[in-house]
Amino acid sequence: MTSAGIEPRRLYTTAEAAALLNYSERTLRRWRKDEVGPHYVRYGAALRYGYFGFDLIAYLKEGRQ
């Protein structure tokens, strides 16, 4: 584990990513629509959204600079 206990290779749900970043799920959904925020992936037949830990870590590092 690294930054804020985020496992780099794990795929986090929107709810989990929001909790780790200390934002609401609604904010992450809006960021996806506006094409800002951390990189995300779409997966599964239901086209769910997820965030890899290494993308969350990169986003946190970018925000601190």
PDB file of N, CA and C in Angstrom:
ATOM      1  N   MET A   1       0.829  -1.187   0.000  1.00  0.00           N
ATOM      2  CA  MET A   1       0.000   0.000   0.000  1.00  0.00           C
ATOM      3  C   MET A   1       0.870   1.246   0.000  1.00  0.00           C
ATOM      4  N   THR A   2       0.320   2.273  -0.598  1.00  0.00           N
ATOM      5  CA  THR A   2       1.062   3.527  -0.665  1.00  0.00           C
ATOM      6  C   THR A   2       0.186   4.672  -0.189  1.00  0.00           C
ATOM      7  N   SER A   3       0.282   5.766  -0.826  1.00  0.00           N
ATOM      8  CA  SER A   3      -0.406   7.002  -0.511  1.00  0.00           C
ATOM      9  C   SER A   3      -1.843   6.776  -0.020  1.00  0.00           C
ATOM     10  N   ALA A   4      -2.102   7.169   1.215  1.00  0.00           N
ATOM     11  CA  ALA A   4      -3.435   7.080   1.837  1.00  0.00           C
ATOM     12  C   ALA A   4      -3.984   5.650   1.855  1.00  0.00           C
ATOM     13  N   GLY A   5      -3.113   4.642   1.854  1.00  0.00           N
ATOM     14  CA  GLY A   5      -3.560   3.254   1.895  1.00  0.00           C
ATOM     15  C   GLY A   5      -4.145   2.747   0.598  1.00  0.00           C
ATOM     16  N   ILE A   6      -3.800   3.367  -0.511  1.00  0.00           N
ATOM     17  CA  ILE A   6      -4.332   2.973  -1.818  1.00  0.00           C
ATOM     18  C   ILE A   6      -3.444   1.882  -2.414  1.00  0.00           C
ATOM     19  N   GLU A   7      -4.051   0.772  -2.796  1.00  0.00           N
ATOM     20  CA  GLU A   7      -3.321  -0.312  -3.446  1.00  0.00           C
ATOM     21  C   GLU A   7      -3.260  -0.013  -4.945  1.00  0.00           C
ATOM     22  N   PRO A   8      -2.060   0.167  -5.514  1.00  0.00           N
ATOM     23  CA  PRO A   8      -1.925   0.598  -6.909  1.00  0.00           C
ATOM     24  C   PRO A   8      -2.602  -0.290  -7.944  1.00  0.00           C
ATOM     25  N   ARG A   9      -2.598  -1.593  -7.753  1.00  0.00           N
ATOM     26  CA  ARG A   9      -3.120  -2.499  -8.781  1.00  0.00           C
ATOM     27  C   ARG A   9      -4.595  -2.832  -8.612  1.00  0.00           C
ATOM     28  N   ARG A  10      -5.208  -2.313  -7.585  1.00  0.00           N
ATOM     29  CA  ARG A  10      -6.624  -2.611  -7.324  1.00  0.00           C
ATOM     30  C   ARG A  10      -7.530  -1.685  -8.133  1.00  0.00           C
ATOM     31  N   LEU A  11      -8.666  -2.224  -8.580  1.00  0.00           N
ATOM     32  CA  LEU A  11      -9.680  -1.435  -9.276  1.00  0.00           C
ATOM     33  C   LEU A  11     -10.734  -1.044  -8.245  1.00  0.00           C
ATOM     34  N   TYR A  12     -10.882   0.253  -8.013  1.00  0.00           N
ATOM     35  CA  TYR A  12     -11.814   0.767  -7.022  1.00  0.00           C
ATOM     36  C   TYR A  12     -13.118   1.194  -7.694  1.00  0.00           C
ATOM     37  N   THR A  13     -14.229   0.984  -7.001  1.00  0.00           N
ATOM     38  CA  THR A  13     -15.523   1.458  -7.504  1.00  0.00           C
ATOM     39  C   THR A  13     -15.572   2.974  -7.334  1.00  0.00           C
ATOM     40  N   THR A  14     -16.579   3.589  -7.910  1.00  0.00           N
ATOM     41  CA  THR A  14     -16.744   5.030  -7.766  1.00  0.00           C
ATOM     42  C   THR A  14     -16.910   5.402  -6.290  1.00  0.00           C
ATOM     43  N   ALA A  15     -17.680   4.631  -5.553  1.00  0.00           N
ATOM     44  CA  ALA A  15     -17.900   4.912  -4.130  1.00  0.00           C
ATOM     45  C   ALA A  15     -16.592   4.817  -3.348  1.00  0.00           C
ATOM     46  N   GLU A  16     -15.800   3.786  -3.621  1.00  0.00           N
ATOM     47  CA  GLU A  16     -14.526   3.619  -2.919  1.00  0.00           C
ATOM     48  C   GLU A  16     -13.551   4.731  -3.279  1.00  0.00           C
ATOM     49  N   ALA A  17     -13.484   5.074  -4.565  1.00  0.00           N
ATOM     50  CA  ALA A  17     -12.580   6.137  -5.011  1.00  0.00           C
ATOM     51  C   ALA A  17     -12.977   7.471  -4.391  1.00  0.00           C
ATOM     52  N   ALA A  18     -14.272   7.741  -4.340  1.00  0.00           N
ATOM     53  CA  ALA A  18     -14.754   8.986  -3.752  1.00  0.00           C
ATOM     54  C   ALA A  18     -14.348   9.078  -2.279  1.00  0.00           C
ATOM     55  N   ALA A  19     -14.475   7.982  -1.559  1.00  0.00           N
ATOM     56  CA  ALA A  19     -14.099   7.971  -0.146  1.00  0.00           C
ATOM     57  C   ALA A  19     -12.595   8.195   0.021  1.00  0.00           C
ATOM     58  N   LEU A  20     -11.793   7.568  -0.828  1.00  0.00           N
ATOM     59  CA  LEU A  20     -10.340   7.728  -0.742  1.00  0.00           C
ATOM     60  C   LEU A  20      -9.892   9.145  -1.074  1.00  0.00           C
ATOM     61  N   LEU A  21     -10.587   9.780  -2.010  1.00  0.00           N
ATOM     62  CA  LEU A  21     -10.225  11.137  -2.433  1.00  0.00           C
ATOM     63  C   LEU A  21     -10.917  12.206  -1.589  1.00  0.00           C
ATOM     64  N   ASN A  22     -11.848  11.772  -0.737  1.00  0.00           N
ATOM     65  CA  ASN A  22     -12.604  12.682   0.119  1.00  0.00           C
ATOM     66  C   ASN A  22     -13.505  13.619  -0.696  1.00  0.00           C
ATOM     67  N   TYR A  23     -14.127  13.061  -1.735  1.00  0.00           N
ATOM     68  CA  TYR A  23     -15.112  13.767  -2.551  1.00  0.00           C
ATOM     69  C   TYR A  23     -16.371  12.914  -2.581  1.00  0.00           C
ATOM     70  N   SER A  24     -17.454  13.465  -3.065  1.00  0.00           N
ATOM     71  CA  SER A  24     -18.687  12.697  -3.182  1.00  0.00           C
ATOM     72  C   SER A  24     -18.689  11.906  -4.495  1.00  0.00           C
ATOM     73  N   GLU A  25     -19.526  10.868  -4.539  1.00  0.00           N
ATOM     74  CA  GLU A  25     -19.673  10.094  -5.771  1.00  0.00           C
ATOM     75  C   GLU A  25     -20.207  11.006  -6.878  1.00  0.00           C
ATOM     76  N   ARG A  26     -21.086  11.905  -6.513  1.00  0.00           N
ATOM     77  CA  ARG A  26     -21.659  12.838  -7.489  1.00  0.00           C
ATOM     78  C   ARG A  26     -20.553  13.675  -8.147  1.00  0.00           C
ATOM     79  N   THR A  27     -19.568  14.091  -7.357  1.00  0.00           N
ATOM     80  CA  THR A  27     -18.458  14.872  -7.904  1.00  0.00           C
ATOM     81  C   THR A  27     -17.679  14.042  -8.918  1.00  0.00           C
ATOM     82  N   LEU A  28     -17.393  12.785  -8.599  1.00  0.00           N
ATOM     83  CA  LEU A  28     -16.661  11.937  -9.539  1.00  0.00           C
ATOM     84  C   LEU A  28     -17.460  11.711 -10.817  1.00  0.00           C
ATOM     85  N   ARG A  29     -18.767  11.534 -10.694  1.00  0.00           N
ATOM     86  CA  ARG A  29     -19.604  11.373 -11.895  1.00  0.00           C
ATOM     87  C   ARG A  29     -19.567  12.643 -12.745  1.00  0.00           C
ATOM     88  N   ARG A  30     -19.631  13.803 -12.105  1.00  0.00           N
ATOM     89  CA  ARG A  30     -19.572  15.071 -12.852  1.00  0.00           C
ATOM     90  C   ARG A  30     -18.210  15.228 -13.520  1.00  0.00           C
ATOM     91  N   TRP A  31     -17.141  14.856 -12.818  1.00  0.00           N
ATOM     92  CA  TRP A  31     -15.801  14.942 -13.398  1.00  0.00           C
ATOM     93  C   TRP A  31     -15.693  14.066 -14.640  1.00  0.00           C
ATOM     94  N   ARG A  32     -16.280  12.860 -14.577  1.00  0.00           N
ATOM     95  CA  ARG A  32     -16.242  11.984 -15.756  1.00  0.00           C
ATOM     96  C   ARG A  32     -16.948  12.649 -16.925  1.00  0.00           C
ATOM     97  N   LYS A  33     -18.106  13.245 -16.659  1.00  0.00           N
ATOM     98  CA  LYS A  33     -18.873  13.934 -17.703  1.00  0.00           C
ATOM     99  C   LYS A  33     -18.088  15.105 -18.274  1.00  0.00           C
ATOM    100  N   ASP A  34     -17.401  15.844 -17.408  1.00  0.00           N
ATOM    101  CA  ASP A  34     -16.636  17.020 -17.823  1.00  0.00           C
ATOM    102  C   ASP A  34     -15.213  16.687 -18.272  1.00  0.00           C
ATOM    103  N   GLU A  35     -14.861  15.399 -18.206  1.00  0.00           N
ATOM    104  CA  GLU A  35     -13.531  14.907 -18.603  1.00  0.00           C
ATOM    105  C   GLU A  35     -12.400  15.566 -17.815  1.00  0.00           C
ATOM    106  N   VAL A  36     -12.590  15.637 -16.505  1.00  0.00           N
ATOM    107  CA  VAL A  36     -11.548  16.110 -15.591  1.00  0.00           C
ATOM    108  C   VAL A  36     -11.415  15.081 -14.468  1.00  0.00           C
ATOM    109  N   GLY A  37     -10.472  15.318 -13.565  1.00  0.00           N
ATOM    110  CA  GLY A  37     -10.289  14.403 -12.445  1.00  0.00           C
ATOM    111  C   GLY A  37      -9.425  13.212 -12.806  1.00  0.00           C
ATOM    112  N   PRO A  38      -9.404  12.203 -11.930  1.00  0.00           N
ATOM    113  CA  PRO A  38      -8.549  11.032 -12.177  1.00  0.00           C
ATOM    114  C   PRO A  38      -9.039  10.203 -13.356  1.00  0.00           C
ATOM    115  N   HIS A  39      -8.100   9.524 -14.000  1.00  0.00           N
ATOM    116  CA  HIS A  39      -8.421   8.640 -15.121  1.00  0.00           C
ATOM    117  C   HIS A  39      -9.306   7.502 -14.611  1.00  0.00           C
ATOM    118  N   TYR A  40     -10.272   7.094 -15.408  1.00  0.00           N
ATOM    119  CA  TYR A  40     -11.175   6.002 -15.041  1.00  0.00           C
ATOM    120  C   TYR A  40     -11.268   5.011 -16.188  1.00  0.00           C
ATOM    121  N   VAL A  41     -11.811   3.844 -15.895  1.00  0.00           N
ATOM    122  CA  VAL A  41     -12.038   2.821 -16.916  1.00  0.00           C
ATOM    123  C   VAL A  41     -13.498   2.387 -16.854  1.00  0.00           C
ATOM    124  N   ARG A  42     -14.008   1.955 -17.991  1.00  0.00           N
ATOM    125  CA  ARG A  42     -15.339   1.353 -18.052  1.00  0.00           C
ATOM    126  C   ARG A  42     -15.139  -0.149 -18.180  1.00  0.00           C
ATOM    127  N   TYR A  43     -15.944  -0.913 -17.453  1.00  0.00           N
ATOM    128  CA  TYR A  43     -15.778  -2.364 -17.499  1.00  0.00           C
ATOM    129  C   TYR A  43     -17.128  -3.058 -17.340  1.00  0.00           C
ATOM    130  N   GLY A  44     -17.155  -4.307 -17.751  1.00  0.00           N
ATOM    131  CA  GLY A  44     -18.331  -5.146 -17.566  1.00  0.00           C
ATOM    132  C   GLY A  44     -19.437  -4.898 -18.578  1.00  0.00           C
ATOM    133  N   ALA A  45     -20.375  -5.819 -18.608  1.00  0.00           N
ATOM    134  CA  ALA A  45     -21.502  -5.725 -19.530  1.00  0.00           C
ATOM    135  C   ALA A  45     -22.403  -4.539 -19.192  1.00  0.00           C
ATOM    136  N   ALA A  46     -22.446  -4.169 -17.915  1.00  0.00           N
ATOM    137  CA  ALA A  46     -23.287  -3.052 -17.480  1.00  0.00           C
ATOM    138  C   ALA A  46     -22.561  -1.715 -17.612  1.00  0.00           C
ATOM    139  N   LEU A  47     -21.346  -1.740 -18.168  1.00  0.00           N
ATOM    140  CA  LEU A  47     -20.528  -0.544 -18.335  1.00  0.00           C
ATOM    141  C   LEU A  47     -20.382   0.245 -17.035  1.00  0.00           C
ATOM    142  N   ARG A  48     -19.827  -0.420 -16.059  1.00  0.00           N
ATOM    143  CA  ARG A  48     -19.545   0.237 -14.787  1.00  0.00           C
ATOM    144  C   ARG A  48     -18.251   1.019 -14.916  1.00  0.00           C
ATOM    145  N   TYR A  49     -18.058   1.944 -14.000  1.00  0.00           N
ATOM    146  CA  TYR A  49     -16.850   2.762 -13.996  1.00  0.00           C
ATOM    147  C   TYR A  49     -15.995   2.391 -12.795  1.00  0.00           C
ATOM    148  N   GLY A  50     -14.687   2.414 -12.988  1.00  0.00           N
ATOM    149  CA  GLY A  50     -13.762   2.102 -11.910  1.00  0.00           C
ATOM    150  C   GLY A  50     -12.498   2.925 -12.038  1.00  0.00           C
ATOM    151  N   TYR A  51     -11.750   2.945 -10.972  1.00  0.00           N
ATOM    152  CA  TYR A  51     -10.513   3.718 -10.911  1.00  0.00           C
ATOM    153  C   TYR A  51      -9.404   2.818 -10.388  1.00  0.00           C
ATOM    154  N   PHE A  52      -8.321   2.689 -11.148  1.00  0.00           N
ATOM    155  CA  PHE A  52      -7.183   1.922 -10.663  1.00  0.00           C
ATOM    156  C   PHE A  52      -6.446   2.748  -9.617  1.00  0.00           C
ATOM    157  N   GLY A  53      -5.899   2.050  -8.642  1.00  0.00           N
ATOM    158  CA  GLY A  53      -5.182   2.717  -7.560  1.00  0.00           C
ATOM    159  C   GLY A  53      -4.063   3.611  -8.058  1.00  0.00           C
ATOM    160  N   PHE A  54      -3.312   3.154  -9.078  1.00  0.00           N
ATOM    161  CA  PHE A  54      -2.199   3.975  -9.563  1.00  0.00           C
ATOM    162  C   PHE A  54      -2.693   5.269 -10.194  1.00  0.00           C
ATOM    163  N   ASP A  55      -3.908   5.281 -10.763  1.00  0.00           N
ATOM    164  CA  ASP A  55      -4.467   6.518 -11.298  1.00  0.00           C
ATOM    165  C   ASP A  55      -4.893   7.465 -10.176  1.00  0.00           C
ATOM    166  N   LEU A  56      -5.422   6.910  -9.089  1.00  0.00           N
ATOM    167  CA  LEU A  56      -5.791   7.744  -7.934  1.00  0.00           C
ATOM    168  C   LEU A  56      -4.548   8.352  -7.294  1.00  0.00           C
ATOM    169  N   ILE A  57      -3.494   7.565  -7.176  1.00  0.00           N
ATOM    170  CA  ILE A  57      -2.241   8.061  -6.602  1.00  0.00           C
ATOM    171  C   ILE A  57      -1.669   9.174  -7.472  1.00  0.00           C
ATOM    172  N   ALA A  58      -1.677   8.971  -8.783  1.00  0.00           N
ATOM    173  CA  ALA A  58      -1.162   9.994  -9.704  1.00  0.00           C
ATOM    174  C   ALA A  58      -1.982  11.277  -9.573  1.00  0.00           C
ATOM    175  N   TYR A  59      -3.290  11.142  -9.464  1.00  0.00           N
ATOM    176  CA  TYR A  59      -4.147  12.318  -9.326  1.00  0.00           C
ATOM    177  C   TYR A  59      -3.834  13.069  -8.026  1.00  0.00           C
ATOM    178  N   LEU A  60      -3.650  12.336  -6.947  1.00  0.00           N
ATOM    179  CA  LEU A  60      -3.323  12.975  -5.671  1.00  0.00           C
ATOM    180  C   LEU A  60      -1.984  13.698  -5.741  1.00  0.00           C
ATOM    181  N   LYS A  61      -1.019  13.083  -6.398  1.00  0.00           N
ATOM    182  CA  LYS A  61       0.304  13.721  -6.531  1.00  0.00           C
ATOM    183  C   LYS A  61       0.227  14.977  -7.383  1.00  0.00           C
ATOM    184  N   GLU A  62      -0.546  14.960  -8.444  1.00  0.00           N
ATOM    185  CA  GLU A  62      -0.712  16.127  -9.307  1.00  0.00           C
ATOM    186  C   GLU A  62      -1.340  17.288  -8.536  1.00  0.00           C
ATOM    187  N   GLY A  63      -2.301  16.982  -7.704  1.00  0.00           N
ATOM    188  CA  GLY A  63      -3.008  17.998  -6.948  1.00  0.00           C
ATOM    189  C   GLY A  63      -2.166  18.658  -5.883  1.00  0.00           C
ATOM    190  N   ARG A  64      -1.136  17.992  -5.449  1.00  0.00           N
ATOM    191  CA  ARG A  64      -0.290  18.511  -4.377  1.00  0.00           C
ATOM    192  C   ARG A  64       0.826  19.392  -4.909  1.00  0.00           C
ATOM    193  N   GLN A  65       1.035  19.426  -6.216  1.00  0.00           N
ATOM    194  CA  GLN A  65       2.136  20.212  -6.770  1.00  0.00           C
ATOM    195  C   GLN A  65       1.754  21.651  -6.961  1.00  0.00           C
TER     196      GLN A  65
END
